[in-house]
Amino acid sequence: MNQVIQILMNQLKNNNPQMFEKYEMLRKNNGNPTAIFNQMISNYTPEQMQKFMSFAKNFGVPDDVLSQVQNGIKP
């Protein structure tokens, strides 16, 4: 799970620095990273989710972790 979050955070930092700063602020104030991650991907279209999953797989994220993402992550 941490691998997926790290990949997403790198992508977010590059594509949306403002959202990345919000995430970092929440994380530093003991925010739940899994809940933050779920909130961030909840608005992804099926196409965006598929691209994210392909991106994560290409970076070596294991299939079982990707399955957790697809099936919804439970905090």
Protein backbone atom coordinates (compact mmCIF):
# COMPACT_ATOMS: atom_id res chain seq x y z
CA MET A 1 0.00 0.00 0.00
CA ASN A 2 2.80 2.40 0.83
CA GLN A 3 4.20 1.91 -2.66
CA VAL A 4 0.94 3.02 -4.25
CA ILE A 5 0.70 6.06 -2.01
CA GLN A 6 4.30 7.04 -2.77
CA ILE A 7 3.73 6.74 -6.52
CA LEU A 8 0.55 8.79 -6.26
CA MET A 9 2.31 11.42 -4.16
CA ASN A 10 5.11 11.76 -6.70
CA GLN A 11 2.55 12.11 -9.48
CA LEU A 12 0.56 14.61 -7.43
CA LYS A 13 3.64 16.66 -6.58
CA ASN A 14 4.46 16.98 -10.27
CA ASN A 15 0.92 17.57 -11.55
CA ASN A 16 -0.79 19.44 -8.71
CA PRO A 17 1.65 21.00 -6.24
CA GLN A 18 -1.14 22.75 -4.31
CA MET A 19 -2.95 19.49 -3.56
CA PHE A 20 0.38 17.92 -2.64
CA GLU A 21 0.97 20.68 -0.08
CA LYS A 22 -2.49 20.04 1.40
CA TYR A 23 -1.71 16.34 1.65
CA GLU A 24 1.61 17.02 3.34
CA MET A 25 -0.04 19.36 5.84
CA LEU A 26 -2.65 16.71 6.73
CA ARG A 27 -0.02 14.01 6.98
CA LYS A 28 2.18 16.12 9.25
CA ASN A 29 -0.83 16.79 11.46
CA ASN A 30 -1.44 13.05 11.87
CA GLY A 31 -3.95 12.71 9.06
CA ASN A 32 -4.74 9.19 7.92
CA PRO A 33 -2.80 8.65 4.65
CA THR A 34 -5.14 5.85 3.53
CA ALA A 35 -8.20 8.04 3.99
CA ILE A 36 -6.48 10.89 2.15
CA PHE A 37 -5.52 8.52 -0.67
CA ASN A 38 -9.09 7.19 -0.92
CA GLN A 39 -10.44 10.73 -1.10
CA MET A 40 -7.96 11.66 -3.81
CA ILE A 41 -8.78 8.74 -6.10
CA SER A 42 -12.52 8.74 -5.41
CA ASN A 43 -13.14 11.25 -8.19
CA TYR A 44 -11.00 9.48 -10.78
CA THR A 45 -12.83 8.54 -13.94
CA PRO A 46 -12.49 4.90 -15.04
CA GLU A 47 -9.97 6.04 -17.66
CA GLN A 48 -7.90 7.96 -15.08
CA MET A 49 -7.97 4.98 -12.73
CA GLN A 50 -6.85 2.64 -15.50
CA LYS A 51 -3.97 4.97 -16.37
CA PHE A 52 -2.99 5.20 -12.71
CA MET A 53 -3.10 1.42 -12.34
CA SER A 54 -0.93 0.95 -15.44
CA PHE A 55 1.48 3.59 -14.17
CA ALA A 56 1.71 1.90 -10.77
CA LYS A 57 2.18 -1.56 -12.32
CA ASN A 58 4.99 -0.24 -14.55
CA PHE A 59 6.73 0.98 -11.40
CA GLY A 60 6.59 -2.47 -9.86
CA VAL A 61 3.59 -2.17 -7.56
CA PRO A 62 2.51 -5.77 -6.84
CA ASP A 63 -0.76 -7.09 -8.26
CA ASP A 64 -2.18 -7.75 -4.79
CA VAL A 65 -1.71 -4.08 -3.88
CA LEU A 66 -3.32 -2.98 -7.13
CA SER A 67 -6.25 -5.29 -6.37
CA GLN A 68 -6.69 -3.57 -3.02
CA VAL A 69 -6.86 -0.21 -4.78
CA GLN A 70 -9.38 -1.47 -7.33
CA ASN A 71 -11.55 -3.06 -4.65
CA GLY A 72 -11.43 -0.04 -2.37
CA ILE A 73 -8.99 0.40 0.42
CA LYS A 74 -10.22 -0.03 3.95
CA PRO A 75 -8.42 2.17 6.48
